[in-house]
Structure formats: C-alpha cells, structure tokens
Amino acid sequence: MYNTSLFFDTYALFEVIRGNPNYKAYQDIMVITTVFNLAELNYGLKKETGQKTADDFTDKFAFSVVAVTVSDVKEAMSLRFKKKDLSIPDAIGYTVAQRLGLKFLTGDNDFKDMPGVEFVKK
C-alpha cells in the first residue's frame, strides 16, 4: 500500500519515466494526475520515443487520472492569466492538486515558490 499520494505534473511523470535518481523516492508513491497531463506526456513521448512506448506509458498511468471540474478549469485559467508561462495542463493540475489537498510534484521553475508544491529539480 502507498504511504501517500502526490499530484504528478507532466515534468514529474517524465522524470520518473527517464529514471532520474532525484525522483527515485517517488517511485512508490501513488500517482495522481489529470487527462491533460497524460495528453502532454503522450505527445512528448511520441516525439522522443515513438508511438508504442508513448501509448504504453499512457496506459500505465491511466489509473492515476482524476476528474477535472469546470470550476477547476476556471480557476486554472485565472492562474495562467497571472502566470503566463504555465502550461494549460500544469495550471489545471496545480488547481486540482490544491482542491484535493495534495502536494504538486514538479521540477518546473514556474512553480518553485508556489504554495503546496514539492519542487524537485533534475
């Protein structure tokens, strides 16, 4: 059983897949993410590794997807309006993590000093 769960943004998902040793401590933590982060992951992996590998990893993390509400979208787009460098999937993910009371795991510098973020760089 998992000790805890964290919201994994796309950056964190990539680092886990790549085997980044700084993310080794997060291998046994329950992954929570959104379908938007999975879409971003799938696209990036298709560019890097090809369709089969990308689709296999997308399937692997499919159990981790939580619902996104219309309120989440509105709040996330307000956040993105203020911090224009945030990707839409990550702005939505951060908002969902906040709603669920989860830490937002990322290495994205745009989130470094934001509340509720567990920042782990490469």
PDB file of N, CA and C in Angstrom:
ATOM      1  N   MET A   1       0.842  -1.192   0.000  1.00  0.00           N
ATOM      2  CA  MET A   1       0.000   0.000   0.000  1.00  0.00           C
ATOM      3  C   MET A   1       0.877   1.241   0.000  1.00  0.00           C
ATOM      4  N   TYR A   2       0.369   2.305  -0.565  1.00  0.00           N
ATOM      5  CA  TYR A   2       1.106   3.550  -0.657  1.00  0.00           C
ATOM      6  C   TYR A   2       1.057   4.304   0.659  1.00  0.00           C
ATOM      7  N   ASN A   3       2.165   4.937   0.981  1.00  0.00           N
ATOM      8  CA  ASN A   3       2.211   5.755   2.188  1.00  0.00           C
ATOM      9  C   ASN A   3       1.489   7.075   1.979  1.00  0.00           C
ATOM     10  N   THR A   4       1.519   7.561   0.774  1.00  0.00           N
ATOM     11  CA  THR A   4       0.934   8.859   0.476  1.00  0.00           C
ATOM     12  C   THR A   4       0.666   8.945  -1.012  1.00  0.00           C
ATOM     13  N   SER A   5       0.072  10.021  -1.434  1.00  0.00           N
ATOM     14  CA  SER A   5      -0.075  10.277  -2.855  1.00  0.00           C
ATOM     15  C   SER A   5       0.279  11.737  -3.117  1.00  0.00           C
ATOM     16  N   LEU A   6       0.737  11.985  -4.312  1.00  0.00           N
ATOM     17  CA  LEU A   6       1.088  13.329  -4.753  1.00  0.00           C
ATOM     18  C   LEU A   6       0.486  13.537  -6.127  1.00  0.00           C
ATOM     19  N   PHE A   7       0.283  14.788  -6.466  1.00  0.00           N
ATOM     20  CA  PHE A   7      -0.114  15.097  -7.828  1.00  0.00           C
ATOM     21  C   PHE A   7       1.166  15.220  -8.647  1.00  0.00           C
ATOM     22  N   PHE A   8       1.307  14.414  -9.675  1.00  0.00           N
ATOM     23  CA  PHE A   8       2.476  14.439 -10.555  1.00  0.00           C
ATOM     24  C   PHE A   8       2.140  15.284 -11.777  1.00  0.00           C
ATOM     25  N   ASP A   9       2.873  16.371 -11.977  1.00  0.00           N
ATOM     26  CA  ASP A   9       2.672  17.120 -13.208  1.00  0.00           C
ATOM     27  C   ASP A   9       3.430  16.409 -14.326  1.00  0.00           C
ATOM     28  N   THR A  10       3.322  16.937 -15.520  1.00  0.00           N
ATOM     29  CA  THR A  10       3.949  16.287 -16.672  1.00  0.00           C
ATOM     30  C   THR A  10       5.458  16.189 -16.496  1.00  0.00           C
ATOM     31  N   TYR A  11       6.065  17.228 -15.957  1.00  0.00           N
ATOM     32  CA  TYR A  11       7.513  17.228 -15.708  1.00  0.00           C
ATOM     33  C   TYR A  11       7.886  16.035 -14.819  1.00  0.00           C
ATOM     34  N   ALA A  12       7.155  15.858 -13.733  1.00  0.00           N
ATOM     35  CA  ALA A  12       7.455  14.769 -12.796  1.00  0.00           C
ATOM     36  C   ALA A  12       7.254  13.406 -13.454  1.00  0.00           C
ATOM     37  N   LEU A  13       6.209  13.260 -14.246  1.00  0.00           N
ATOM     38  CA  LEU A  13       5.986  11.991 -14.946  1.00  0.00           C
ATOM     39  C   LEU A  13       7.152  11.667 -15.874  1.00  0.00           C
ATOM     40  N   PHE A  14       7.619  12.657 -16.614  1.00  0.00           N
ATOM     41  CA  PHE A  14       8.773  12.453 -17.493  1.00  0.00           C
ATOM     42  C   PHE A  14      10.002  12.019 -16.695  1.00  0.00           C
ATOM     43  N   GLU A  15      10.266  12.673 -15.585  1.00  0.00           N
ATOM     44  CA  GLU A  15      11.463  12.355 -14.803  1.00  0.00           C
ATOM     45  C   GLU A  15      11.400  10.945 -14.207  1.00  0.00           C
ATOM     46  N   VAL A  16      10.239  10.515 -13.786  1.00  0.00           N
ATOM     47  CA  VAL A  16      10.079   9.147 -13.288  1.00  0.00           C
ATOM     48  C   VAL A  16      10.345   8.145 -14.415  1.00  0.00           C
ATOM     49  N   ILE A  17       9.775   8.404 -15.576  1.00  0.00           N
ATOM     50  CA  ILE A  17       9.966   7.517 -16.729  1.00  0.00           C
ATOM     51  C   ILE A  17      11.434   7.463 -17.132  1.00  0.00           C
ATOM     52  N   ARG A  18      12.105   8.585 -17.105  1.00  0.00           N
ATOM     53  CA  ARG A  18      13.520   8.648 -17.503  1.00  0.00           C
ATOM     54  C   ARG A  18      14.456   8.055 -16.455  1.00  0.00           C
ATOM     55  N   GLY A  19      13.911   7.741 -15.290  1.00  0.00           N
ATOM     56  CA  GLY A  19      14.736   7.150 -14.241  1.00  0.00           C
ATOM     57  C   GLY A  19      15.628   8.146 -13.530  1.00  0.00           C
ATOM     58  N   ASN A  20      15.236   9.395 -13.502  1.00  0.00           N
ATOM     59  CA  ASN A  20      16.013  10.426 -12.809  1.00  0.00           C
ATOM     60  C   ASN A  20      16.187  10.018 -11.342  1.00  0.00           C
ATOM     61  N   PRO A  21      17.435   9.886 -10.878  1.00  0.00           N
ATOM     62  CA  PRO A  21      17.665   9.467  -9.491  1.00  0.00           C
ATOM     63  C   PRO A  21      17.046  10.417  -8.456  1.00  0.00           C
ATOM     64  N   ASN A  22      16.855  11.687  -8.796  1.00  0.00           N
ATOM     65  CA  ASN A  22      16.226  12.624  -7.866  1.00  0.00           C
ATOM     66  C   ASN A  22      14.747  12.315  -7.658  1.00  0.00           C
ATOM     67  N   TYR A  23      14.173  11.505  -8.532  1.00  0.00           N
ATOM     68  CA  TYR A  23      12.765  11.128  -8.425  1.00  0.00           C
ATOM     69  C   TYR A  23      12.586   9.690  -7.932  1.00  0.00           C
ATOM     70  N   LYS A  24      13.688   9.036  -7.580  1.00  0.00           N
ATOM     71  CA  LYS A  24      13.621   7.654  -7.092  1.00  0.00           C
ATOM     72  C   LYS A  24      12.740   7.534  -5.844  1.00  0.00           C
ATOM     73  N   ALA A  25      12.791   8.510  -4.980  1.00  0.00           N
ATOM     74  CA  ALA A  25      11.998   8.490  -3.744  1.00  0.00           C
ATOM     75  C   ALA A  25      10.500   8.515  -4.009  1.00  0.00           C
ATOM     76  N   TYR A  26      10.104   8.846  -5.236  1.00  0.00           N
ATOM     77  CA  TYR A  26       8.681   8.973  -5.565  1.00  0.00           C
ATOM     78  C   TYR A  26       8.132   7.761  -6.325  1.00  0.00           C
ATOM     79  N   GLN A  27       8.957   6.734  -6.496  1.00  0.00           N
ATOM     80  CA  GLN A  27       8.537   5.555  -7.256  1.00  0.00           C
ATOM     81  C   GLN A  27       7.407   4.785  -6.574  1.00  0.00           C
ATOM     82  N   ASP A  28       7.351   4.784  -5.267  1.00  0.00           N
ATOM     83  CA  ASP A  28       6.335   4.014  -4.550  1.00  0.00           C
ATOM     84  C   ASP A  28       5.194   4.867  -4.025  1.00  0.00           C
ATOM     85  N   ILE A  29       5.111   6.090  -4.520  1.00  0.00           N
ATOM     86  CA  ILE A  29       4.043   6.992  -4.106  1.00  0.00           C
ATOM     87  C   ILE A  29       2.917   6.902  -5.130  1.00  0.00           C
ATOM     88  N   MET A  30       1.711   6.920  -4.648  1.00  0.00           N
ATOM     89  CA  MET A  30       0.564   6.851  -5.549  1.00  0.00           C
ATOM     90  C   MET A  30       0.507   8.101  -6.419  1.00  0.00           C
ATOM     91  N   VAL A  31       0.495   7.882  -7.730  1.00  0.00           N
ATOM     92  CA  VAL A  31       0.461   8.963  -8.704  1.00  0.00           C
ATOM     93  C   VAL A  31      -0.978   9.425  -8.903  1.00  0.00           C
ATOM     94  N   ILE A  32      -1.171  10.741  -8.837  1.00  0.00           N
ATOM     95  CA  ILE A  32      -2.442  11.373  -9.193  1.00  0.00           C
ATOM     96  C   ILE A  32      -2.108  12.386 -10.278  1.00  0.00           C
ATOM     97  N   THR A  33      -2.912  12.421 -11.337  1.00  0.00           N
ATOM     98  CA  THR A  33      -2.698  13.370 -12.423  1.00  0.00           C
ATOM     99  C   THR A  33      -4.018  13.580 -13.150  1.00  0.00           C
ATOM    100  N   THR A  34      -4.002  14.382 -14.203  1.00  0.00           N
ATOM    101  CA  THR A  34      -5.213  14.586 -14.999  1.00  0.00           C
ATOM    102  C   THR A  34      -5.000  14.075 -16.416  1.00  0.00           C
ATOM    103  N   VAL A  35      -6.077  13.944 -17.128  1.00  0.00           N
ATOM    104  CA  VAL A  35      -6.002  13.508 -18.521  1.00  0.00           C
ATOM    105  C   VAL A  35      -5.224  14.525 -19.359  1.00  0.00           C
ATOM    106  N   PHE A  36      -5.233  15.787 -18.948  1.00  0.00           N
ATOM    107  CA  PHE A  36      -4.480  16.812 -19.674  1.00  0.00           C
ATOM    108  C   PHE A  36      -2.973  16.588 -19.545  1.00  0.00           C
ATOM    109  N   ASN A  37      -2.529  16.206 -18.350  1.00  0.00           N
ATOM    110  CA  ASN A  37      -1.107  15.891 -18.162  1.00  0.00           C
ATOM    111  C   ASN A  37      -0.728  14.637 -18.947  1.00  0.00           C
ATOM    112  N   LEU A  38      -1.633  13.659 -18.980  1.00  0.00           N
ATOM    113  CA  LEU A  38      -1.354  12.452 -19.770  1.00  0.00           C
ATOM    114  C   LEU A  38      -1.271  12.767 -21.262  1.00  0.00           C
ATOM    115  N   ALA A  39      -2.110  13.686 -21.728  1.00  0.00           N
ATOM    116  CA  ALA A  39      -2.052  14.084 -23.132  1.00  0.00           C
ATOM    117  C   ALA A  39      -0.701  14.731 -23.452  1.00  0.00           C
ATOM    118  N   GLU A  40      -0.263  15.627 -22.572  1.00  0.00           N
ATOM    119  CA  GLU A  40       1.022  16.295 -22.757  1.00  0.00           C
ATOM    120  C   GLU A  40       2.166  15.280 -22.703  1.00  0.00           C
ATOM    121  N   LEU A  41       2.082  14.333 -21.776  1.00  0.00           N
ATOM    122  CA  LEU A  41       3.089  13.273 -21.663  1.00  0.00           C
ATOM    123  C   LEU A  41       3.112  12.420 -22.928  1.00  0.00           C
ATOM    124  N   ASN A  42       1.945  11.991 -23.380  1.00  0.00           N
ATOM    125  CA  ASN A  42       1.859  11.132 -24.561  1.00  0.00           C
ATOM    126  C   ASN A  42       2.469  11.817 -25.773  1.00  0.00           C
ATOM    127  N   TYR A  43       2.138  13.070 -25.958  1.00  0.00           N
ATOM    128  CA  TYR A  43       2.667  13.819 -27.097  1.00  0.00           C
ATOM    129  C   TYR A  43       4.194  13.924 -27.019  1.00  0.00           C
ATOM    130  N   GLY A  44       4.709  14.299 -25.849  1.00  0.00           N
ATOM    131  CA  GLY A  44       6.152  14.428 -25.686  1.00  0.00           C
ATOM    132  C   GLY A  44       6.881  13.114 -25.882  1.00  0.00           C
ATOM    133  N   LEU A  45       6.309  12.039 -25.359  1.00  0.00           N
ATOM    134  CA  LEU A  45       6.943  10.729 -25.526  1.00  0.00           C
ATOM    135  C   LEU A  45       6.891  10.259 -26.978  1.00  0.00           C
ATOM    136  N   LYS A  46       5.820  10.576 -27.683  1.00  0.00           N
ATOM    137  CA  LYS A  46       5.759  10.208 -29.104  1.00  0.00           C
ATOM    138  C   LYS A  46       6.871  10.898 -29.879  1.00  0.00           C
ATOM    139  N   LYS A  47       7.180  12.133 -29.536  1.00  0.00           N
ATOM    140  CA  LYS A  47       8.280  12.847 -30.188  1.00  0.00           C
ATOM    141  C   LYS A  47       9.626  12.221 -29.830  1.00  0.00           C
ATOM    142  N   GLU A  48       9.776  11.766 -28.567  1.00  0.00           N
ATOM    143  CA  GLU A  48      11.065  11.254 -28.085  1.00  0.00           C
ATOM    144  C   GLU A  48      11.278   9.769 -28.338  1.00  0.00           C
ATOM    145  N   THR A  49      10.218   8.970 -28.162  1.00  0.00           N
ATOM    146  CA  THR A  49      10.408   7.515 -28.137  1.00  0.00           C
ATOM    147  C   THR A  49       9.568   6.749 -29.139  1.00  0.00           C
ATOM    148  N   GLY A  50       8.587   7.382 -29.724  1.00  0.00           N
ATOM    149  CA  GLY A  50       7.723   6.698 -30.680  1.00  0.00           C
ATOM    150  C   GLY A  50       6.364   6.365 -30.090  1.00  0.00           C
ATOM    151  N   GLN A  51       5.465   5.957 -30.966  1.00  0.00           N
ATOM    152  CA  GLN A  51       4.068   5.758 -30.592  1.00  0.00           C
ATOM    153  C   GLN A  51       3.856   4.645 -29.578  1.00  0.00           C
ATOM    154  N   LYS A  52       4.463   3.485 -29.774  1.00  0.00           N
ATOM    155  CA  LYS A  52       4.198   2.352 -28.890  1.00  0.00           C
ATOM    156  C   LYS A  52       4.612   2.653 -27.456  1.00  0.00           C
ATOM    157  N   THR A  53       5.815   3.141 -27.268  1.00  0.00           N
ATOM    158  CA  THR A  53       6.292   3.456 -25.921  1.00  0.00           C
ATOM    159  C   THR A  53       5.422   4.534 -25.279  1.00  0.00           C
ATOM    160  N   ALA A  54       5.085   5.552 -26.043  1.00  0.00           N
ATOM    161  CA  ALA A  54       4.243   6.634 -25.519  1.00  0.00           C
ATOM    162  C   ALA A  54       2.889   6.096 -25.086  1.00  0.00           C
ATOM    163  N   ASP A  55       2.284   5.280 -25.919  1.00  0.00           N
ATOM    164  CA  ASP A  55       0.972   4.739 -25.589  1.00  0.00           C
ATOM    165  C   ASP A  55       1.041   3.768 -24.412  1.00  0.00           C
ATOM    166  N   ASP A  56       2.131   2.996 -24.322  1.00  0.00           N
ATOM    167  CA  ASP A  56       2.291   2.075 -23.192  1.00  0.00           C
ATOM    168  C   ASP A  56       2.380   2.837 -21.867  1.00  0.00           C
ATOM    169  N   PHE A  57       3.165   3.914 -21.835  1.00  0.00           N
ATOM    170  CA  PHE A  57       3.267   4.709 -20.601  1.00  0.00           C
ATOM    171  C   PHE A  57       1.956   5.419 -20.287  1.00  0.00           C
ATOM    172  N   THR A  58       1.263   5.862 -21.300  1.00  0.00           N
ATOM    173  CA  THR A  58      -0.037   6.499 -21.082  1.00  0.00           C
ATOM    174  C   THR A  58      -1.000   5.505 -20.451  1.00  0.00           C
ATOM    175  N   ASP A  59      -1.004   4.284 -20.954  1.00  0.00           N
ATOM    176  CA  ASP A  59      -1.846   3.232 -20.371  1.00  0.00           C
ATOM    177  C   ASP A  59      -1.430   2.932 -18.929  1.00  0.00           C
ATOM    178  N   LYS A  60      -0.129   2.937 -18.670  1.00  0.00           N
ATOM    179  CA  LYS A  60       0.375   2.643 -17.323  1.00  0.00           C
ATOM    180  C   LYS A  60      -0.136   3.656 -16.294  1.00  0.00           C
ATOM    181  N   PHE A  61      -0.227   4.918 -16.693  1.00  0.00           N
ATOM    182  CA  PHE A  61      -0.657   5.966 -15.764  1.00  0.00           C
ATOM    183  C   PHE A  61      -2.154   6.275 -15.846  1.00  0.00           C
ATOM    184  N   ALA A  62      -2.882   5.575 -16.683  1.00  0.00           N
ATOM    185  CA  ALA A  62      -4.317   5.851 -16.864  1.00  0.00           C
ATOM    186  C   ALA A  62      -5.097   5.702 -15.559  1.00  0.00           C
ATOM    187  N   PHE A  63      -4.685   4.784 -14.692  1.00  0.00           N
ATOM    188  CA  PHE A  63      -5.374   4.575 -13.411  1.00  0.00           C
ATOM    189  C   PHE A  63      -5.235   5.775 -12.479  1.00  0.00           C
ATOM    190  N   SER A  64      -4.306   6.652 -12.779  1.00  0.00           N
ATOM    191  CA  SER A  64      -3.983   7.792 -11.912  1.00  0.00           C
ATOM    192  C   SER A  64      -4.836   9.022 -12.176  1.00  0.00           C
ATOM    193  N   VAL A  65      -5.634   8.984 -13.223  1.00  0.00           N
ATOM    194  CA  VAL A  65      -6.370  10.168 -13.668  1.00  0.00           C
ATOM    195  C   VAL A  65      -7.544  10.478 -12.745  1.00  0.00           C
ATOM    196  N   VAL A  66      -7.628  11.737 -12.327  1.00  0.00           N
ATOM    197  CA  VAL A  66      -8.763  12.210 -11.534  1.00  0.00           C
ATOM    198  C   VAL A  66      -9.564  13.201 -12.377  1.00  0.00           C
ATOM    199  N   ALA A  67     -10.802  13.385 -12.008  1.00  0.00           N
ATOM    200  CA  ALA A  67     -11.698  14.263 -12.752  1.00  0.00           C
ATOM    201  C   ALA A  67     -11.308  15.729 -12.581  1.00  0.00           C
ATOM    202  N   VAL A  68     -11.558  16.478 -13.621  1.00  0.00           N
ATOM    203  CA  VAL A  68     -11.361  17.923 -13.617  1.00  0.00           C
ATOM    204  C   VAL A  68     -12.741  18.558 -13.730  1.00  0.00           C
ATOM    205  N   THR A  69     -13.018  19.499 -12.842  1.00  0.00           N
ATOM    206  CA  THR A  69     -14.314  20.165 -12.858  1.00  0.00           C
ATOM    207  C   THR A  69     -14.243  21.469 -13.662  1.00  0.00           C
ATOM    208  N   VAL A  70     -15.392  21.977 -14.010  1.00  0.00           N
ATOM    209  CA  VAL A  70     -15.445  23.272 -14.686  1.00  0.00           C
ATOM    210  C   VAL A  70     -14.865  24.350 -13.775  1.00  0.00           C
ATOM    211  N   SER A  71     -15.115  24.257 -12.485  1.00  0.00           N
ATOM    212  CA  SER A  71     -14.530  25.219 -11.534  1.00  0.00           C
ATOM    213  C   SER A  71     -13.009  25.142 -11.550  1.00  0.00           C
ATOM    214  N   ASP A  72     -12.464  23.921 -11.662  1.00  0.00           N
ATOM    215  CA  ASP A  72     -11.007  23.764 -11.764  1.00  0.00           C
ATOM    216  C   ASP A  72     -10.476  24.504 -12.987  1.00  0.00           C
ATOM    217  N   VAL A  73     -11.157  24.338 -14.110  1.00  0.00           N
ATOM    218  CA  VAL A  73     -10.725  24.977 -15.353  1.00  0.00           C
ATOM    219  C   VAL A  73     -10.740  26.495 -15.205  1.00  0.00           C
ATOM    220  N   LYS A  74     -11.809  27.038 -14.650  1.00  0.00           N
ATOM    221  CA  LYS A  74     -11.901  28.490 -14.494  1.00  0.00           C
ATOM    222  C   LYS A  74     -10.805  29.020 -13.576  1.00  0.00           C
ATOM    223  N   GLU A  75     -10.596  28.344 -12.465  1.00  0.00           N
ATOM    224  CA  GLU A  75      -9.550  28.789 -11.528  1.00  0.00           C
ATOM    225  C   GLU A  75      -8.161  28.662 -12.157  1.00  0.00           C
ATOM    226  N   ALA A  76      -7.931  27.561 -12.874  1.00  0.00           N
ATOM    227  CA  ALA A  76      -6.629  27.341 -13.504  1.00  0.00           C
ATOM    228  C   ALA A  76      -6.340  28.389 -14.571  1.00  0.00           C
ATOM    229  N   MET A  77      -7.354  28.774 -15.324  1.00  0.00           N
ATOM    230  CA  MET A  77      -7.130  29.768 -16.369  1.00  0.00           C
ATOM    231  C   MET A  77      -6.920  31.161 -15.767  1.00  0.00           C
ATOM    232  N   SER A  78      -7.511  31.420 -14.607  1.00  0.00           N
ATOM    233  CA  SER A  78      -7.215  32.668 -13.891  1.00  0.00           C
ATOM    234  C   SER A  78      -5.768  32.662 -13.423  1.00  0.00           C
ATOM    235  N   LEU A  79      -5.300  31.519 -12.927  1.00  0.00           N
ATOM    236  CA  LEU A  79      -3.907  31.375 -12.508  1.00  0.00           C
ATOM    237  C   LEU A  79      -2.979  31.572 -13.703  1.00  0.00           C
ATOM    238  N   ARG A  80      -3.302  30.940 -14.806  1.00  0.00           N
ATOM    239  CA  ARG A  80      -2.468  31.049 -16.009  1.00  0.00           C
ATOM    240  C   ARG A  80      -2.464  32.481 -16.538  1.00  0.00           C
ATOM    241  N   PHE A  81      -3.577  33.181 -16.402  1.00  0.00           N
ATOM    242  CA  PHE A  81      -3.644  34.573 -16.837  1.00  0.00           C
ATOM    243  C   PHE A  81      -2.624  35.416 -16.065  1.00  0.00           C
ATOM    244  N   LYS A  82      -2.418  35.094 -14.781  1.00  0.00           N
ATOM    245  CA  LYS A  82      -1.455  35.810 -13.941  1.00  0.00           C
ATOM    246  C   LYS A  82      -0.024  35.352 -14.213  1.00  0.00           C
ATOM    247  N   LYS A  83       0.152  34.038 -14.402  1.00  0.00           N
ATOM    248  CA  LYS A  83       1.481  33.452 -14.627  1.00  0.00           C
ATOM    249  C   LYS A  83       1.486  32.821 -16.011  1.00  0.00           C
ATOM    250  N   LYS A  84       1.703  33.633 -17.016  1.00  0.00           N
ATOM    251  CA  LYS A  84       1.523  33.227 -18.403  1.00  0.00           C
ATOM    252  C   LYS A  84       2.430  32.082 -18.862  1.00  0.00           C
ATOM    253  N   ASP A  85       3.504  31.814 -18.153  1.00  0.00           N
ATOM    254  CA  ASP A  85       4.415  30.755 -18.577  1.00  0.00           C
ATOM    255  C   ASP A  85       3.937  29.351 -18.211  1.00  0.00           C
ATOM    256  N   LEU A  86       2.883  29.241 -17.426  1.00  0.00           N
ATOM    257  CA  LEU A  86       2.381  27.927 -17.050  1.00  0.00           C
ATOM    258  C   LEU A  86       1.688  27.281 -18.242  1.00  0.00           C
ATOM    259  N   SER A  87       1.937  25.985 -18.432  1.00  0.00           N
ATOM    260  CA  SER A  87       1.190  25.279 -19.471  1.00  0.00           C
ATOM    261  C   SER A  87      -0.247  25.095 -18.987  1.00  0.00           C
ATOM    262  N   ILE A  88      -1.157  24.944 -19.909  1.00  0.00           N
ATOM    263  CA  ILE A  88      -2.550  24.720 -19.533  1.00  0.00           C
ATOM    264  C   ILE A  88      -2.685  23.429 -18.719  1.00  0.00           C
ATOM    265  N   PRO A  89      -2.082  22.301 -19.150  1.00  0.00           N
ATOM    266  CA  PRO A  89      -2.213  21.081 -18.330  1.00  0.00           C
ATOM    267  C   PRO A  89      -1.669  21.249 -16.910  1.00  0.00           C
ATOM    268  N   ASP A  90      -0.547  21.945 -16.770  1.00  0.00           N
ATOM    269  CA  ASP A  90       0.028  22.092 -15.432  1.00  0.00           C
ATOM    270  C   ASP A  90      -0.754  23.084 -14.575  1.00  0.00           C
ATOM    271  N   ALA A  91      -1.298  24.122 -15.181  1.00  0.00           N
ATOM    272  CA  ALA A  91      -2.143  25.053 -14.419  1.00  0.00           C
ATOM    273  C   ALA A  91      -3.388  24.322 -13.910  1.00  0.00           C
ATOM    274  N   ILE A  92      -3.980  23.497 -14.758  1.00  0.00           N
ATOM    275  CA  ILE A  92      -5.142  22.712 -14.337  1.00  0.00           C
ATOM    276  C   ILE A  92      -4.728  21.710 -13.256  1.00  0.00           C
ATOM    277  N   GLY A  93      -3.609  21.044 -13.464  1.00  0.00           N
ATOM    278  CA  GLY A  93      -3.130  20.071 -12.486  1.00  0.00           C
ATOM    279  C   GLY A  93      -2.872  20.689 -11.127  1.00  0.00           C
ATOM    280  N   TYR A  94      -2.234  21.843 -11.113  1.00  0.00           N
ATOM    281  CA  TYR A  94      -1.967  22.534  -9.845  1.00  0.00           C
ATOM    282  C   TYR A  94      -3.275  22.854  -9.132  1.00  0.00           C
ATOM    283  N   THR A  95      -4.243  23.339  -9.877  1.00  0.00           N
ATOM    284  CA  THR A  95      -5.543  23.679  -9.303  1.00  0.00           C
ATOM    285  C   THR A  95      -6.239  22.441  -8.744  1.00  0.00           C
ATOM    286  N   VAL A  96      -6.188  21.336  -9.466  1.00  0.00           N
ATOM    287  CA  VAL A  96      -6.784  20.084  -8.992  1.00  0.00           C
ATOM    288  C   VAL A  96      -6.073  19.606  -7.731  1.00  0.00           C
ATOM    289  N   ALA A  97      -4.741  19.673  -7.734  1.00  0.00           N
ATOM    290  CA  ALA A  97      -3.974  19.271  -6.546  1.00  0.00           C
ATOM    291  C   ALA A  97      -4.388  20.086  -5.330  1.00  0.00           C
ATOM    292  N   GLN A  98      -4.551  21.387  -5.515  1.00  0.00           N
ATOM    293  CA  GLN A  98      -4.977  22.251  -4.419  1.00  0.00           C
ATOM    294  C   GLN A  98      -6.358  21.834  -3.911  1.00  0.00           C
ATOM    295  N   ARG A  99      -7.263  21.568  -4.832  1.00  0.00           N
ATOM    296  CA  ARG A  99      -8.627  21.165  -4.441  1.00  0.00           C
ATOM    297  C   ARG A  99      -8.615  19.852  -3.667  1.00  0.00           C
ATOM    298  N   LEU A 100      -7.747  18.930  -4.074  1.00  0.00           N
ATOM    299  CA  LEU A 100      -7.681  17.614  -3.431  1.00  0.00           C
ATOM    300  C   LEU A 100      -6.802  17.597  -2.181  1.00  0.00           C
ATOM    301  N   GLY A 101      -6.143  18.710  -1.889  1.00  0.00           N
ATOM    302  CA  GLY A 101      -5.260  18.777  -0.723  1.00  0.00           C
ATOM    303  C   GLY A 101      -3.987  17.972  -0.899  1.00  0.00           C
ATOM    304  N   LEU A 102      -3.507  17.877  -2.150  1.00  0.00           N
ATOM    305  CA  LEU A 102      -2.296  17.121  -2.450  1.00  0.00           C
ATOM    306  C   LEU A 102      -1.142  18.056  -2.777  1.00  0.00           C
ATOM    307  N   LYS A 103       0.064  17.628  -2.459  1.00  0.00           N
ATOM    308  CA  LYS A 103       1.254  18.348  -2.909  1.00  0.00           C
ATOM    309  C   LYS A 103       1.378  18.153  -4.415  1.00  0.00           C
ATOM    310  N   PHE A 104       1.851  19.178  -5.093  1.00  0.00           N
ATOM    311  CA  PHE A 104       2.039  19.192  -6.534  1.00  0.00           C
ATOM    312  C   PHE A 104       3.510  18.943  -6.808  1.00  0.00           C
ATOM    313  N   LEU A 105       3.862  17.761  -7.313  1.00  0.00           N
ATOM    314  CA  LEU A 105       5.251  17.380  -7.566  1.00  0.00           C
ATOM    315  C   LEU A 105       5.679  17.860  -8.940  1.00  0.00           C
ATOM    316  N   THR A 106       6.752  18.644  -8.967  1.00  0.00           N
ATOM    317  CA  THR A 106       7.245  19.199 -10.224  1.00  0.00           C
ATOM    318  C   THR A 106       8.702  19.624 -10.085  1.00  0.00           C
ATOM    319  N   GLY A 107       9.326  19.824 -11.215  1.00  0.00           N
ATOM    320  CA  GLY A 107      10.636  20.458 -11.280  1.00  0.00           C
ATOM    321  C   GLY A 107      10.582  21.687 -12.157  1.00  0.00           C
ATOM    322  N   ASP A 108       9.380  22.072 -12.523  1.00  0.00           N
ATOM    323  CA  ASP A 108       9.139  23.240 -13.364  1.00  0.00           C
ATOM    324  C   ASP A 108       9.392  24.506 -12.544  1.00  0.00           C
ATOM    325  N   ASN A 109      10.358  25.306 -12.982  1.00  0.00           N
ATOM    326  CA  ASN A 109      10.755  26.511 -12.245  1.00  0.00           C
ATOM    327  C   ASN A 109       9.604  27.488 -12.011  1.00  0.00           C
ATOM    328  N   ASP A 110       8.604  27.472 -12.869  1.00  0.00           N
ATOM    329  CA  ASP A 110       7.475  28.393 -12.713  1.00  0.00           C
ATOM    330  C   ASP A 110       6.665  28.114 -11.444  1.00  0.00           C
ATOM    331  N   PHE A 111       6.819  26.933 -10.874  1.00  0.00           N
ATOM    332  CA  PHE A 111       6.081  26.557  -9.662  1.00  0.00           C
ATOM    333  C   PHE A 111       6.947  26.587  -8.408  1.00  0.00           C
ATOM    334  N   LYS A 112       8.219  26.897  -8.550  1.00  0.00           N
ATOM    335  CA  LYS A 112       9.201  26.729  -7.474  1.00  0.00           C
ATOM    336  C   LYS A 112       8.777  27.299  -6.124  1.00  0.00           C
ATOM    337  N   ASP A 113       8.271  28.492  -6.074  1.00  0.00           N
ATOM    338  CA  ASP A 113       7.957  29.129  -4.801  1.00  0.00           C
ATOM    339  C   ASP A 113       6.467  29.219  -4.511  1.00  0.00           C
ATOM    340  N   MET A 114       5.693  28.417  -5.206  1.00  0.00           N
ATOM    341  CA  MET A 114       4.241  28.472  -5.003  1.00  0.00           C
ATOM    342  C   MET A 114       3.852  27.563  -3.840  1.00  0.00           C
ATOM    343  N   PRO A 115       2.795  27.906  -3.132  1.00  0.00           N
ATOM    344  CA  PRO A 115       2.348  27.065  -2.004  1.00  0.00           C
ATOM    345  C   PRO A 115       1.861  25.703  -2.486  1.00  0.00           C
ATOM    346  N   GLY A 116       2.115  24.683  -1.676  1.00  0.00           N
ATOM    347  CA  GLY A 116       1.629  23.343  -1.977  1.00  0.00           C
ATOM    348  C   GLY A 116       2.435  22.606  -3.019  1.00  0.00           C
ATOM    349  N   VAL A 117       3.647  23.082  -3.287  1.00  0.00           N
ATOM    350  CA  VAL A 117       4.491  22.473  -4.324  1.00  0.00           C
ATOM    351  C   VAL A 117       5.643  21.719  -3.685  1.00  0.00           C
ATOM    352  N   GLU A 118       5.881  20.518  -4.152  1.00  0.00           N
ATOM    353  CA  GLU A 118       7.088  19.758  -3.806  1.00  0.00           C
ATOM    354  C   GLU A 118       7.980  19.852  -5.023  1.00  0.00           C
ATOM    355  N   PHE A 119       9.005  20.695  -4.917  1.00  0.00           N
ATOM    356  CA  PHE A 119       9.862  21.025  -6.052  1.00  0.00           C
ATOM    357  C   PHE A 119      11.106  20.138  -6.055  1.00  0.00           C
ATOM    358  N   VAL A 120      11.287  19.389  -7.133  1.00  0.00           N
ATOM    359  CA  VAL A 120      12.447  18.512  -7.275  1.00  0.00           C
ATOM    360  C   VAL A 120      13.011  18.742  -8.662  1.00  0.00           C
ATOM    361  N   LYS A 121      14.226  19.266  -8.709  1.00  0.00           N
ATOM    362  CA  LYS A 121      14.867  19.567  -9.988  1.00  0.00           C
ATOM    363  C   LYS A 121      15.722  18.385 -10.403  1.00  0.00           C
ATOM    364  N   LYS A 122      16.076  18.361 -11.661  1.00  0.00           N
ATOM    365  CA  LYS A 122      16.903  17.274 -12.222  1.00  0.00           C
ATOM    366  C   LYS A 122      18.160  17.056 -11.430  1.00  0.00           C
TER     367      LYS A 122
END
